[in-house]
N, C-alpha and C. Protein backbone atom coordinates (compact mmCIF):
# COMPACT_ATOMS: atom_id res chain seq x y z
N UNK A 1 89.02 107.27 70.09
CA UNK A 1 90.43 107.57 69.80
C UNK A 1 90.52 108.28 68.45
N UNK A 2 91.07 109.48 68.47
CA UNK A 2 91.21 110.23 67.23
C UNK A 2 92.47 109.83 66.49
N UNK A 3 92.42 109.93 65.17
CA UNK A 3 93.56 109.56 64.35
C UNK A 3 94.14 110.80 63.68
N UNK A 4 95.46 110.78 63.49
CA UNK A 4 96.10 111.85 62.74
C UNK A 4 95.82 111.71 61.24
N UNK A 5 95.41 110.52 60.82
CA UNK A 5 95.09 110.32 59.42
C UNK A 5 96.30 110.40 58.51
N UNK A 6 97.46 109.99 59.03
CA UNK A 6 98.70 110.04 58.24
C UNK A 6 99.28 108.64 58.10
N UNK A 7 99.72 108.32 56.90
CA UNK A 7 100.34 107.01 56.66
C UNK A 7 101.83 107.10 56.98
N UNK A 8 102.11 107.15 58.28
CA UNK A 8 103.47 107.30 58.80
C UNK A 8 103.53 106.50 60.09
N UNK A 9 104.61 105.78 60.31
CA UNK A 9 104.67 104.91 61.49
C UNK A 9 104.64 105.71 62.79
N UNK A 10 105.24 106.91 62.81
CA UNK A 10 105.19 107.74 64.02
C UNK A 10 103.75 108.16 64.29
N UNK A 11 103.05 108.61 63.26
CA UNK A 11 101.66 109.01 63.43
C UNK A 11 100.79 107.83 63.85
N UNK A 12 101.03 106.65 63.27
CA UNK A 12 100.25 105.46 63.64
C UNK A 12 100.50 105.10 65.09
N UNK A 13 101.76 105.23 65.55
CA UNK A 13 102.07 104.94 66.96
C UNK A 13 101.35 105.92 67.87
N UNK A 14 101.34 107.20 67.49
CA UNK A 14 100.68 108.21 68.31
C UNK A 14 99.15 108.06 68.27
N UNK A 15 98.63 107.52 67.17
CA UNK A 15 97.20 107.19 67.15
C UNK A 15 96.87 106.23 68.30
N UNK A 16 97.78 105.30 68.57
CA UNK A 16 97.53 104.26 69.58
C UNK A 16 97.87 104.71 70.99
N UNK A 17 98.97 105.49 71.17
CA UNK A 17 99.43 105.78 72.54
C UNK A 17 99.66 107.27 72.79
N UNK A 18 99.23 108.12 71.89
CA UNK A 18 99.54 109.54 72.02
C UNK A 18 98.59 110.34 72.89
N UNK A 19 97.47 109.75 73.32
CA UNK A 19 96.55 110.50 74.16
C UNK A 19 97.11 110.67 75.57
N UNK A 20 96.65 111.73 76.26
CA UNK A 20 97.09 112.02 77.62
C UNK A 20 96.77 110.84 78.53
N UNK A 21 97.69 110.48 79.37
CA UNK A 21 97.63 109.40 80.37
C UNK A 21 97.95 108.03 79.80
N UNK A 22 97.86 107.85 78.48
CA UNK A 22 98.01 106.50 77.93
C UNK A 22 99.37 105.90 78.25
N UNK A 23 100.46 106.63 77.98
CA UNK A 23 101.78 106.07 78.25
C UNK A 23 102.04 105.93 79.74
N UNK A 24 101.39 106.72 80.57
CA UNK A 24 101.57 106.55 82.01
C UNK A 24 100.86 105.29 82.50
N UNK A 25 99.77 104.91 81.86
CA UNK A 25 99.15 103.62 82.18
C UNK A 25 100.10 102.49 81.81
N UNK A 26 100.73 102.62 80.63
CA UNK A 26 101.72 101.61 80.23
C UNK A 26 102.87 101.58 81.23
N UNK A 27 103.33 102.76 81.69
CA UNK A 27 104.39 102.82 82.70
C UNK A 27 104.01 102.02 83.94
N UNK A 28 102.78 102.21 84.42
CA UNK A 28 102.36 101.51 85.63
C UNK A 28 102.35 100.00 85.43
N UNK A 29 101.90 99.55 84.28
CA UNK A 29 101.84 98.11 84.03
C UNK A 29 103.24 97.53 83.81
N UNK A 30 104.15 98.32 83.28
CA UNK A 30 105.54 97.86 83.16
C UNK A 30 106.19 97.74 84.54
N UNK A 31 105.96 98.74 85.41
CA UNK A 31 106.62 98.76 86.71
C UNK A 31 105.97 97.83 87.73
N UNK A 32 104.65 97.75 87.69
CA UNK A 32 103.94 96.98 88.71
C UNK A 32 103.53 95.59 88.27
N UNK A 33 103.55 95.33 86.95
CA UNK A 33 103.03 94.06 86.48
C UNK A 33 101.51 94.11 86.46
N UNK A 34 100.84 92.96 86.38
CA UNK A 34 99.37 92.96 86.35
C UNK A 34 98.78 93.75 87.51
N UNK A 35 97.81 94.60 87.20
CA UNK A 35 97.26 95.53 88.19
C UNK A 35 95.75 95.42 88.27
N UNK A 36 95.23 95.62 89.47
CA UNK A 36 93.82 95.87 89.64
C UNK A 36 93.53 97.32 89.22
N UNK A 37 92.27 97.60 89.00
CA UNK A 37 91.88 98.97 88.64
C UNK A 37 92.33 99.94 89.73
N UNK A 38 92.16 99.56 90.99
CA UNK A 38 92.55 100.43 92.10
C UNK A 38 94.06 100.64 92.15
N UNK A 39 94.84 99.62 91.77
CA UNK A 39 96.30 99.79 91.71
C UNK A 39 96.67 100.86 90.70
N UNK A 40 96.00 100.82 89.55
CA UNK A 40 96.27 101.82 88.52
C UNK A 40 95.86 103.22 88.99
N UNK A 41 94.71 103.33 89.63
CA UNK A 41 94.26 104.62 90.15
C UNK A 41 95.29 105.18 91.13
N UNK A 42 95.81 104.32 92.02
CA UNK A 42 96.78 104.78 93.02
C UNK A 42 98.09 105.21 92.37
N UNK A 43 98.46 104.58 91.26
CA UNK A 43 99.70 104.92 90.58
C UNK A 43 99.57 106.06 89.59
N UNK A 44 98.34 106.57 89.42
CA UNK A 44 98.08 107.64 88.47
C UNK A 44 97.32 108.77 89.17
N UNK A 45 97.93 109.40 90.18
CA UNK A 45 97.23 110.47 90.88
C UNK A 45 96.82 111.58 89.93
N UNK A 46 95.55 111.99 90.03
CA UNK A 46 95.06 113.06 89.19
C UNK A 46 94.16 112.60 88.06
N UNK A 47 94.16 111.30 87.73
CA UNK A 47 93.33 110.83 86.62
C UNK A 47 91.90 110.62 87.11
N UNK A 48 90.94 111.03 86.31
CA UNK A 48 89.53 110.79 86.64
C UNK A 48 89.20 109.32 86.37
N UNK A 49 88.35 108.75 87.20
CA UNK A 49 88.06 107.32 87.08
C UNK A 49 87.44 106.97 85.74
N UNK A 50 86.58 107.85 85.19
CA UNK A 50 85.98 107.55 83.89
C UNK A 50 87.00 107.64 82.77
N UNK A 51 87.98 108.55 82.92
CA UNK A 51 89.02 108.67 81.90
C UNK A 51 89.93 107.45 81.92
N UNK A 52 90.25 106.95 83.10
CA UNK A 52 91.07 105.73 83.19
C UNK A 52 90.34 104.57 82.52
N UNK A 53 89.05 104.45 82.77
CA UNK A 53 88.27 103.37 82.14
C UNK A 53 88.30 103.52 80.62
N UNK A 54 88.13 104.75 80.13
CA UNK A 54 88.16 104.97 78.68
C UNK A 54 89.52 104.60 78.09
N UNK A 55 90.59 105.02 78.75
CA UNK A 55 91.93 104.74 78.23
C UNK A 55 92.20 103.23 78.22
N UNK A 56 91.76 102.54 79.24
CA UNK A 56 91.97 101.09 79.28
C UNK A 56 91.21 100.41 78.14
N UNK A 57 89.99 100.85 77.87
CA UNK A 57 89.23 100.28 76.74
C UNK A 57 89.96 100.54 75.42
N UNK A 58 90.52 101.74 75.26
CA UNK A 58 91.25 102.07 74.03
C UNK A 58 92.50 101.22 73.89
N UNK A 59 93.21 101.01 75.00
CA UNK A 59 94.42 100.19 74.95
C UNK A 59 94.07 98.73 74.65
N UNK A 60 92.96 98.26 75.18
CA UNK A 60 92.51 96.90 74.84
C UNK A 60 92.18 96.81 73.36
N UNK A 61 91.46 97.80 72.85
CA UNK A 61 91.08 97.78 71.44
C UNK A 61 92.29 97.82 70.52
N UNK A 62 93.37 98.48 70.98
CA UNK A 62 94.60 98.56 70.19
C UNK A 62 95.48 97.32 70.36
N UNK A 63 95.06 96.38 71.21
CA UNK A 63 95.83 95.16 71.41
C UNK A 63 97.04 95.33 72.30
N UNK A 64 97.04 96.36 73.15
CA UNK A 64 98.19 96.64 74.01
C UNK A 64 97.97 96.19 75.44
N UNK A 65 96.73 96.06 75.86
CA UNK A 65 96.38 95.66 77.23
C UNK A 65 95.33 94.56 77.16
N UNK A 66 95.45 93.61 78.08
CA UNK A 66 94.41 92.58 78.21
C UNK A 66 93.89 92.60 79.64
N UNK A 67 92.66 92.15 79.79
CA UNK A 67 92.10 92.01 81.13
C UNK A 67 91.72 90.55 81.35
N UNK A 68 91.87 90.10 82.58
CA UNK A 68 91.49 88.73 82.92
C UNK A 68 90.96 88.70 84.33
N UNK A 69 90.08 87.76 84.58
CA UNK A 69 89.51 87.62 85.91
C UNK A 69 90.41 86.71 86.74
N UNK A 70 90.96 87.25 87.80
CA UNK A 70 91.84 86.47 88.67
C UNK A 70 91.01 85.53 89.53
N UNK A 71 91.57 84.35 89.77
CA UNK A 71 90.88 83.36 90.59
C UNK A 71 90.92 83.75 92.06
N UNK A 72 90.02 83.23 92.88
CA UNK A 72 90.08 83.47 94.32
C UNK A 72 91.45 83.04 94.86
N UNK A 73 91.99 83.66 95.91
CA UNK A 73 91.30 84.65 96.75
C UNK A 73 91.33 86.07 96.20
N UNK A 74 92.04 86.31 95.07
CA UNK A 74 92.08 87.67 94.52
C UNK A 74 90.70 88.05 93.98
N UNK A 75 90.16 87.21 93.12
CA UNK A 75 88.79 87.37 92.61
C UNK A 75 88.50 88.80 92.15
N UNK A 76 89.31 89.30 91.27
CA UNK A 76 89.09 90.63 90.73
C UNK A 76 89.66 90.68 89.32
N UNK A 77 89.36 91.74 88.60
CA UNK A 77 89.89 91.92 87.24
C UNK A 77 91.31 92.45 87.32
N UNK A 78 92.20 91.82 86.57
CA UNK A 78 93.58 92.27 86.48
C UNK A 78 93.86 92.73 85.05
N UNK A 79 94.58 93.85 84.95
CA UNK A 79 95.00 94.39 83.65
C UNK A 79 96.49 94.14 83.49
N UNK A 80 96.89 93.72 82.31
CA UNK A 80 98.31 93.48 82.04
C UNK A 80 98.61 93.84 80.60
N UNK A 81 99.88 94.00 80.31
CA UNK A 81 100.30 94.34 78.95
C UNK A 81 100.35 93.08 78.09
N UNK A 82 99.96 93.23 76.85
CA UNK A 82 100.17 92.18 75.87
C UNK A 82 101.63 92.24 75.41
N UNK A 83 102.00 91.34 74.55
CA UNK A 83 103.36 91.37 74.01
C UNK A 83 103.63 92.68 73.29
N UNK A 84 102.63 93.16 72.55
CA UNK A 84 102.78 94.45 71.85
C UNK A 84 102.90 95.60 72.85
N UNK A 85 102.14 95.55 73.92
CA UNK A 85 102.23 96.59 74.93
C UNK A 85 103.57 96.59 75.63
N UNK A 86 104.07 95.40 75.97
CA UNK A 86 105.37 95.31 76.64
C UNK A 86 106.50 95.78 75.74
N UNK A 87 106.30 95.72 74.41
CA UNK A 87 107.32 96.18 73.48
C UNK A 87 107.52 97.69 73.52
N UNK A 88 106.66 98.39 74.27
CA UNK A 88 106.83 99.84 74.43
C UNK A 88 107.89 100.18 75.48
N UNK A 89 108.39 99.19 76.20
CA UNK A 89 109.35 99.49 77.27
C UNK A 89 110.56 100.29 76.81
N UNK A 90 111.23 99.95 75.69
CA UNK A 90 112.36 100.79 75.26
C UNK A 90 111.97 102.23 74.99
N UNK A 91 110.77 102.45 74.48
CA UNK A 91 110.31 103.82 74.23
C UNK A 91 110.12 104.57 75.55
N UNK A 92 109.55 103.90 76.56
CA UNK A 92 109.38 104.54 77.87
C UNK A 92 110.74 104.83 78.50
N UNK A 93 111.69 103.90 78.35
CA UNK A 93 113.02 104.13 78.89
C UNK A 93 113.68 105.33 78.21
N UNK A 94 113.52 105.43 76.90
CA UNK A 94 114.11 106.57 76.18
C UNK A 94 113.47 107.87 76.62
N UNK A 95 112.16 107.88 76.80
CA UNK A 95 111.48 109.08 77.28
C UNK A 95 111.94 109.42 78.70
N UNK A 96 112.08 108.38 79.54
CA UNK A 96 112.54 108.61 80.90
C UNK A 96 113.93 109.20 80.95
N UNK A 97 114.83 108.68 80.13
CA UNK A 97 116.20 109.21 80.09
C UNK A 97 116.20 110.65 79.60
N UNK A 98 115.41 110.93 78.59
CA UNK A 98 115.33 112.30 78.06
C UNK A 98 114.72 113.25 79.08
N UNK A 99 113.75 112.76 79.85
CA UNK A 99 113.03 113.62 80.78
C UNK A 99 113.76 113.92 82.07
N UNK A 100 114.87 113.23 82.34
CA UNK A 100 115.61 113.48 83.58
C UNK A 100 116.01 114.95 83.69
N UNK A 101 116.28 115.59 82.55
CA UNK A 101 116.73 116.98 82.57
C UNK A 101 115.68 117.92 83.17
N UNK A 102 114.43 117.49 83.21
CA UNK A 102 113.36 118.35 83.73
C UNK A 102 113.03 118.04 85.19
N UNK A 103 113.80 117.18 85.84
CA UNK A 103 113.48 116.76 87.20
C UNK A 103 114.25 117.52 88.27
N UNK A 104 115.10 118.47 87.88
CA UNK A 104 115.92 119.17 88.86
C UNK A 104 115.09 119.99 89.83
N UNK A 105 114.02 120.60 89.35
CA UNK A 105 113.20 121.46 90.20
C UNK A 105 111.73 121.04 90.11
N UNK A 106 111.33 120.06 90.91
CA UNK A 106 109.92 119.64 90.86
C UNK A 106 109.00 120.74 91.36
N UNK A 107 107.78 120.77 90.83
CA UNK A 107 106.79 121.72 91.31
C UNK A 107 106.37 121.32 92.73
N UNK A 108 105.92 122.31 93.49
CA UNK A 108 105.56 122.05 94.88
C UNK A 108 104.46 121.02 95.01
N UNK A 109 103.57 120.96 94.02
CA UNK A 109 102.44 120.03 94.10
C UNK A 109 102.64 118.76 93.30
N UNK A 110 103.88 118.50 92.84
CA UNK A 110 104.14 117.26 92.12
C UNK A 110 103.92 116.05 93.03
N UNK A 111 103.17 115.08 92.54
CA UNK A 111 102.97 113.83 93.26
C UNK A 111 104.18 112.92 93.04
N UNK A 112 104.33 111.94 93.93
CA UNK A 112 105.42 110.98 93.79
C UNK A 112 104.96 109.62 94.30
N UNK A 113 105.42 108.57 93.65
CA UNK A 113 105.19 107.21 94.10
C UNK A 113 106.54 106.49 94.12
N UNK A 114 106.77 105.71 95.15
CA UNK A 114 108.10 105.11 95.34
C UNK A 114 108.53 104.25 94.16
N UNK A 115 107.60 103.54 93.51
CA UNK A 115 108.01 102.66 92.41
C UNK A 115 108.47 103.45 91.19
N UNK A 116 108.21 104.78 91.17
CA UNK A 116 108.69 105.59 90.06
C UNK A 116 110.20 105.78 90.09
N UNK A 117 110.85 105.44 91.21
CA UNK A 117 112.31 105.50 91.24
C UNK A 117 112.92 104.62 90.14
N UNK A 118 112.21 103.57 89.74
CA UNK A 118 112.81 102.55 88.87
C UNK A 118 113.39 103.13 87.60
N UNK A 119 112.60 103.93 86.86
CA UNK A 119 113.10 104.40 85.58
C UNK A 119 114.33 105.30 85.71
N UNK A 120 114.30 106.37 86.53
CA UNK A 120 115.52 107.18 86.58
C UNK A 120 116.71 106.42 87.16
N UNK A 121 116.49 105.64 88.21
CA UNK A 121 117.62 104.96 88.86
C UNK A 121 118.27 103.95 87.93
N UNK A 122 117.47 103.11 87.31
CA UNK A 122 118.04 102.07 86.45
C UNK A 122 118.56 102.64 85.13
N UNK A 123 118.16 103.87 84.80
CA UNK A 123 118.64 104.48 83.57
C UNK A 123 120.01 105.12 83.73
N UNK A 124 120.29 105.71 84.91
CA UNK A 124 121.58 106.41 85.02
C UNK A 124 122.57 105.76 85.97
N UNK A 125 122.20 104.68 86.65
CA UNK A 125 123.17 103.96 87.46
C UNK A 125 123.60 102.69 86.74
N UNK A 126 124.90 102.46 86.70
CA UNK A 126 125.45 101.28 86.02
C UNK A 126 126.59 100.72 86.86
N UNK A 127 126.63 99.42 86.98
CA UNK A 127 127.64 98.77 87.81
C UNK A 127 128.97 98.71 87.05
N UNK A 128 129.93 99.50 87.49
CA UNK A 128 131.24 99.54 86.83
C UNK A 128 132.19 98.48 87.37
N UNK A 129 131.76 97.73 88.39
CA UNK A 129 132.60 96.67 88.97
C UNK A 129 131.77 95.41 89.14
N UNK A 130 131.43 94.75 88.03
CA UNK A 130 130.54 93.59 88.10
C UNK A 130 131.08 92.45 88.95
N UNK A 131 132.40 92.41 89.16
CA UNK A 131 132.98 91.36 90.00
C UNK A 131 133.01 91.77 91.48
N UNK A 132 132.54 92.97 91.77
CA UNK A 132 132.54 93.44 93.15
C UNK A 132 131.43 92.80 93.96
N UNK A 133 131.43 93.03 95.27
CA UNK A 133 130.40 92.43 96.15
C UNK A 133 129.04 93.04 95.87
N UNK A 134 127.98 92.29 96.12
CA UNK A 134 126.63 92.84 95.97
C UNK A 134 126.43 94.03 96.91
N UNK A 135 125.64 94.98 96.45
CA UNK A 135 125.32 96.17 97.25
C UNK A 135 123.81 96.33 97.34
N UNK A 136 123.38 96.90 98.45
CA UNK A 136 121.96 97.23 98.61
C UNK A 136 121.86 98.66 99.16
N UNK A 137 121.13 99.50 98.44
CA UNK A 137 120.94 100.89 98.84
C UNK A 137 119.46 101.09 99.09
N UNK A 138 119.11 101.41 100.32
CA UNK A 138 117.69 101.59 100.66
C UNK A 138 117.32 103.07 100.52
N UNK A 139 116.24 103.30 99.80
CA UNK A 139 115.74 104.66 99.56
C UNK A 139 114.47 104.86 100.37
N UNK A 140 114.47 105.89 101.19
CA UNK A 140 113.31 106.17 102.03
C UNK A 140 112.78 107.56 101.70
N UNK A 141 111.94 107.67 100.68
CA UNK A 141 111.46 108.99 100.26
C UNK A 141 110.51 109.57 101.29
N UNK A 142 110.56 110.87 101.44
CA UNK A 142 109.67 111.56 102.37
C UNK A 142 109.33 112.92 101.79
N UNK A 143 108.20 113.43 102.17
CA UNK A 143 107.79 114.78 101.80
C UNK A 143 106.91 115.31 102.91
N UNK A 144 106.69 116.62 102.97
CA UNK A 144 105.89 117.17 104.06
C UNK A 144 104.50 116.55 104.18
N UNK A 145 103.92 116.17 103.05
CA UNK A 145 102.58 115.57 103.08
C UNK A 145 102.62 114.19 102.44
N UNK A 146 103.62 113.38 102.83
CA UNK A 146 103.81 112.08 102.19
C UNK A 146 102.63 111.15 102.46
N UNK A 147 102.16 110.51 101.41
CA UNK A 147 101.14 109.48 101.55
C UNK A 147 101.83 108.14 101.70
N UNK A 148 101.06 107.13 102.07
CA UNK A 148 101.62 105.79 102.22
C UNK A 148 102.25 105.33 100.91
N UNK A 149 101.59 105.61 99.78
CA UNK A 149 102.10 105.17 98.48
C UNK A 149 103.40 105.87 98.11
N UNK A 150 103.52 107.16 98.50
CA UNK A 150 104.69 107.91 98.10
C UNK A 150 105.88 107.69 99.02
N UNK A 151 105.63 107.19 100.24
CA UNK A 151 106.71 107.08 101.22
C UNK A 151 107.16 105.65 101.46
N UNK A 152 106.70 104.71 100.66
CA UNK A 152 107.16 103.33 100.83
C UNK A 152 108.64 103.23 100.46
N UNK A 153 109.42 102.48 101.22
CA UNK A 153 110.85 102.35 100.89
C UNK A 153 111.05 101.55 99.61
N UNK A 154 112.18 101.79 98.98
CA UNK A 154 112.59 101.05 97.79
C UNK A 154 114.05 100.68 97.96
N UNK A 155 114.48 99.67 97.24
CA UNK A 155 115.86 99.18 97.36
C UNK A 155 116.50 99.11 95.98
N UNK A 156 117.69 99.67 95.87
CA UNK A 156 118.52 99.50 94.68
C UNK A 156 119.47 98.35 94.96
N UNK A 157 119.36 97.30 94.18
CA UNK A 157 120.20 96.12 94.36
C UNK A 157 121.21 96.04 93.22
N UNK A 158 122.47 95.86 93.58
CA UNK A 158 123.56 95.83 92.61
C UNK A 158 124.28 94.50 92.74
N UNK A 159 124.37 93.77 91.65
CA UNK A 159 125.04 92.47 91.70
C UNK A 159 125.38 92.01 90.29
N UNK A 160 126.60 91.55 90.10
CA UNK A 160 127.00 90.95 88.83
C UNK A 160 126.84 91.83 87.63
N UNK A 161 127.01 93.13 87.81
CA UNK A 161 126.91 94.05 86.69
C UNK A 161 125.51 94.56 86.43
N UNK A 162 124.52 94.16 87.22
CA UNK A 162 123.15 94.59 87.02
C UNK A 162 122.70 95.49 88.17
N UNK A 163 121.85 96.46 87.84
CA UNK A 163 121.25 97.35 88.83
C UNK A 163 119.74 97.19 88.71
N UNK A 164 119.10 96.83 89.80
CA UNK A 164 117.66 96.63 89.81
C UNK A 164 117.05 97.37 90.99
N UNK A 165 115.83 97.82 90.81
CA UNK A 165 115.11 98.53 91.87
C UNK A 165 113.82 97.78 92.18
N UNK A 166 113.52 97.67 93.46
CA UNK A 166 112.27 97.04 93.88
C UNK A 166 111.71 97.78 95.09
N UNK A 167 110.41 97.64 95.31
CA UNK A 167 109.82 98.18 96.52
C UNK A 167 110.17 97.27 97.70
N UNK A 168 110.26 97.85 98.88
CA UNK A 168 110.54 97.07 100.08
C UNK A 168 111.80 97.55 100.77
N UNK A 169 112.21 96.82 101.79
CA UNK A 169 113.39 97.17 102.58
C UNK A 169 114.49 96.15 102.33
N UNK A 170 115.72 96.54 102.68
CA UNK A 170 116.87 95.64 102.57
C UNK A 170 117.18 95.09 103.96
N UNK A 171 117.59 93.81 104.01
CA UNK A 171 117.91 93.20 105.30
C UNK A 171 119.10 93.90 105.96
N UNK A 172 120.14 94.15 105.18
CA UNK A 172 121.34 94.82 105.70
C UNK A 172 121.84 95.81 104.65
N UNK A 173 121.19 96.95 104.53
CA UNK A 173 121.58 97.90 103.48
C UNK A 173 122.98 98.46 103.71
N UNK A 174 123.72 98.62 102.61
CA UNK A 174 125.05 99.23 102.69
C UNK A 174 124.95 100.75 102.81
N UNK A 175 123.83 101.30 102.35
CA UNK A 175 123.63 102.74 102.39
C UNK A 175 122.14 103.00 102.49
N UNK A 176 121.76 103.98 103.32
CA UNK A 176 120.36 104.38 103.46
C UNK A 176 120.27 105.87 103.15
N UNK A 177 119.38 106.22 102.22
CA UNK A 177 119.14 107.62 101.87
C UNK A 177 117.70 107.95 102.25
N UNK A 178 117.54 108.90 103.16
CA UNK A 178 116.23 109.21 103.72
C UNK A 178 115.97 110.70 103.54
N UNK A 179 114.95 111.02 102.73
CA UNK A 179 114.64 112.43 102.51
C UNK A 179 113.78 112.62 101.28
N UNK A 180 113.80 113.81 100.74
CA UNK A 180 112.95 114.10 99.58
C UNK A 180 113.44 113.33 98.35
N UNK A 181 112.52 112.90 97.50
CA UNK A 181 112.92 112.19 96.28
C UNK A 181 113.91 113.00 95.44
N UNK A 182 113.73 114.32 95.39
CA UNK A 182 114.63 115.15 94.59
C UNK A 182 116.06 115.05 95.10
N UNK A 183 116.25 115.06 96.42
CA UNK A 183 117.60 114.96 96.98
C UNK A 183 118.18 113.56 96.79
N UNK A 184 117.33 112.55 96.95
CA UNK A 184 117.80 111.18 96.74
C UNK A 184 118.30 111.00 95.31
N UNK A 185 117.50 111.44 94.33
CA UNK A 185 117.90 111.30 92.94
C UNK A 185 119.09 112.20 92.61
N UNK A 186 119.15 113.36 93.24
CA UNK A 186 120.29 114.25 93.01
C UNK A 186 121.59 113.63 93.45
N UNK A 187 121.58 112.93 94.60
CA UNK A 187 122.79 112.27 95.07
C UNK A 187 123.11 111.05 94.22
N UNK A 188 122.10 110.22 93.92
CA UNK A 188 122.35 109.03 93.12
C UNK A 188 122.91 109.39 91.74
N UNK A 189 122.39 110.45 91.15
CA UNK A 189 122.83 110.83 89.81
C UNK A 189 124.07 111.70 89.78
N UNK A 190 124.67 111.94 90.95
CA UNK A 190 125.90 112.74 91.08
C UNK A 190 125.67 114.20 90.73
N UNK A 191 124.41 114.66 90.79
CA UNK A 191 124.15 116.08 90.62
C UNK A 191 124.42 116.84 91.91
N UNK A 192 124.40 116.11 93.03
CA UNK A 192 124.73 116.66 94.34
C UNK A 192 125.83 115.83 94.97
N UNK A 193 126.74 116.48 95.70
CA UNK A 193 127.71 115.74 96.50
C UNK A 193 127.02 115.29 97.78
N UNK A 194 127.58 114.27 98.45
CA UNK A 194 126.99 113.87 99.74
C UNK A 194 126.88 115.02 100.72
N UNK A 195 127.90 115.86 100.78
CA UNK A 195 127.88 116.99 101.71
C UNK A 195 126.76 117.96 101.35
N UNK A 196 126.61 118.25 100.06
CA UNK A 196 125.56 119.17 99.63
C UNK A 196 124.17 118.58 99.93
N UNK A 197 124.00 117.28 99.65
CA UNK A 197 122.70 116.63 99.88
C UNK A 197 122.35 116.66 101.37
N UNK A 198 123.33 116.38 102.22
CA UNK A 198 123.07 116.40 103.67
C UNK A 198 122.77 117.82 104.15
N UNK A 199 123.47 118.80 103.59
CA UNK A 199 123.22 120.19 103.98
C UNK A 199 121.80 120.62 103.61
N UNK A 200 121.24 120.01 102.55
CA UNK A 200 119.89 120.35 102.11
C UNK A 200 118.82 119.53 102.83
N UNK A 201 119.26 118.60 103.70
CA UNK A 201 118.30 117.87 104.51
C UNK A 201 118.23 116.37 104.29
N UNK A 202 119.05 115.82 103.40
CA UNK A 202 119.03 114.37 103.18
C UNK A 202 119.77 113.67 104.31
N UNK A 203 119.19 112.63 104.86
CA UNK A 203 119.86 111.81 105.86
C UNK A 203 120.59 110.67 105.15
N UNK A 204 121.89 110.57 105.39
CA UNK A 204 122.73 109.57 104.74
C UNK A 204 123.33 108.67 105.83
N UNK A 205 122.99 107.40 105.77
CA UNK A 205 123.51 106.43 106.74
C UNK A 205 124.34 105.40 105.99
N UNK A 206 125.60 105.28 106.33
CA UNK A 206 126.52 104.40 105.61
C UNK A 206 127.52 105.24 104.84
N UNK A 207 128.30 104.56 104.00
CA UNK A 207 129.37 105.24 103.27
C UNK A 207 128.92 105.58 101.85
N UNK A 208 128.66 106.86 101.55
CA UNK A 208 128.21 107.22 100.20
C UNK A 208 129.28 106.99 99.13
N UNK A 209 130.51 106.69 99.54
CA UNK A 209 131.57 106.43 98.55
C UNK A 209 131.23 105.23 97.67
N UNK A 210 130.37 104.33 98.15
CA UNK A 210 130.03 103.16 97.32
C UNK A 210 129.29 103.58 96.05
N UNK A 211 128.74 104.79 96.05
CA UNK A 211 128.03 105.26 94.86
C UNK A 211 128.95 105.47 93.68
N UNK A 212 130.24 105.67 93.94
CA UNK A 212 131.17 105.88 92.82
C UNK A 212 131.20 104.69 91.87
N UNK A 213 130.89 103.51 92.39
CA UNK A 213 130.86 102.32 91.56
C UNK A 213 129.72 102.37 90.56
N UNK A 214 128.69 103.19 90.86
CA UNK A 214 127.45 103.16 90.08
C UNK A 214 127.22 104.42 89.26
N UNK A 215 127.80 105.51 89.67
CA UNK A 215 127.46 106.79 89.08
C UNK A 215 128.11 107.01 87.73
N UNK A 216 127.49 107.87 86.91
CA UNK A 216 128.11 108.20 85.61
C UNK A 216 129.47 108.83 85.81
N UNK A 217 130.36 108.53 84.90
CA UNK A 217 131.70 109.14 84.98
C UNK A 217 131.58 110.63 84.76
N UNK A 218 132.23 111.41 85.61
CA UNK A 218 132.16 112.87 85.48
C UNK A 218 133.17 113.38 84.47
């Protein structure tokens, strides 16, 4: 790990987490919780296996990640964030909120994983009617060459003023959005109207008017 050699808190932070892939490893551990090495590889498409191993060693040395041997039947090494590592969550949220502006036009070869919905969705959706009934919005991402990891459904759950995202299906979803991640996020973030999203290929099942409770005020 190279150092900037500057006595500045920003430089010291970048000494620890400024290398390529490092913050994305932290992202995976924040979103998925304790992970096997293979879980991290699946959540970090494009990373070389030796580079992932190096980054994990560096994060351990910096006191941001710990490894432990899970008991049977798992019987494998699990990586998780330490308290110091978990304290990076507000920084990742701030970066995620800032980066939304660059998501309007994804590159054709951009990879996607369903659990990545969490940061943008929970950052720009807010429950404006906390006394209202619980809502469940099922997201079914698809792409021409969707992998199992990228096409797993996710659910946005709204209740008591909180918005949470999890992988899986909803028992009785109030709204189902089925299509490309870009169109799903465009509709959720009010960058697209329901009519525009459907015209571009998004399948909308249910009443999209419920999104008004969650979307940013225009």
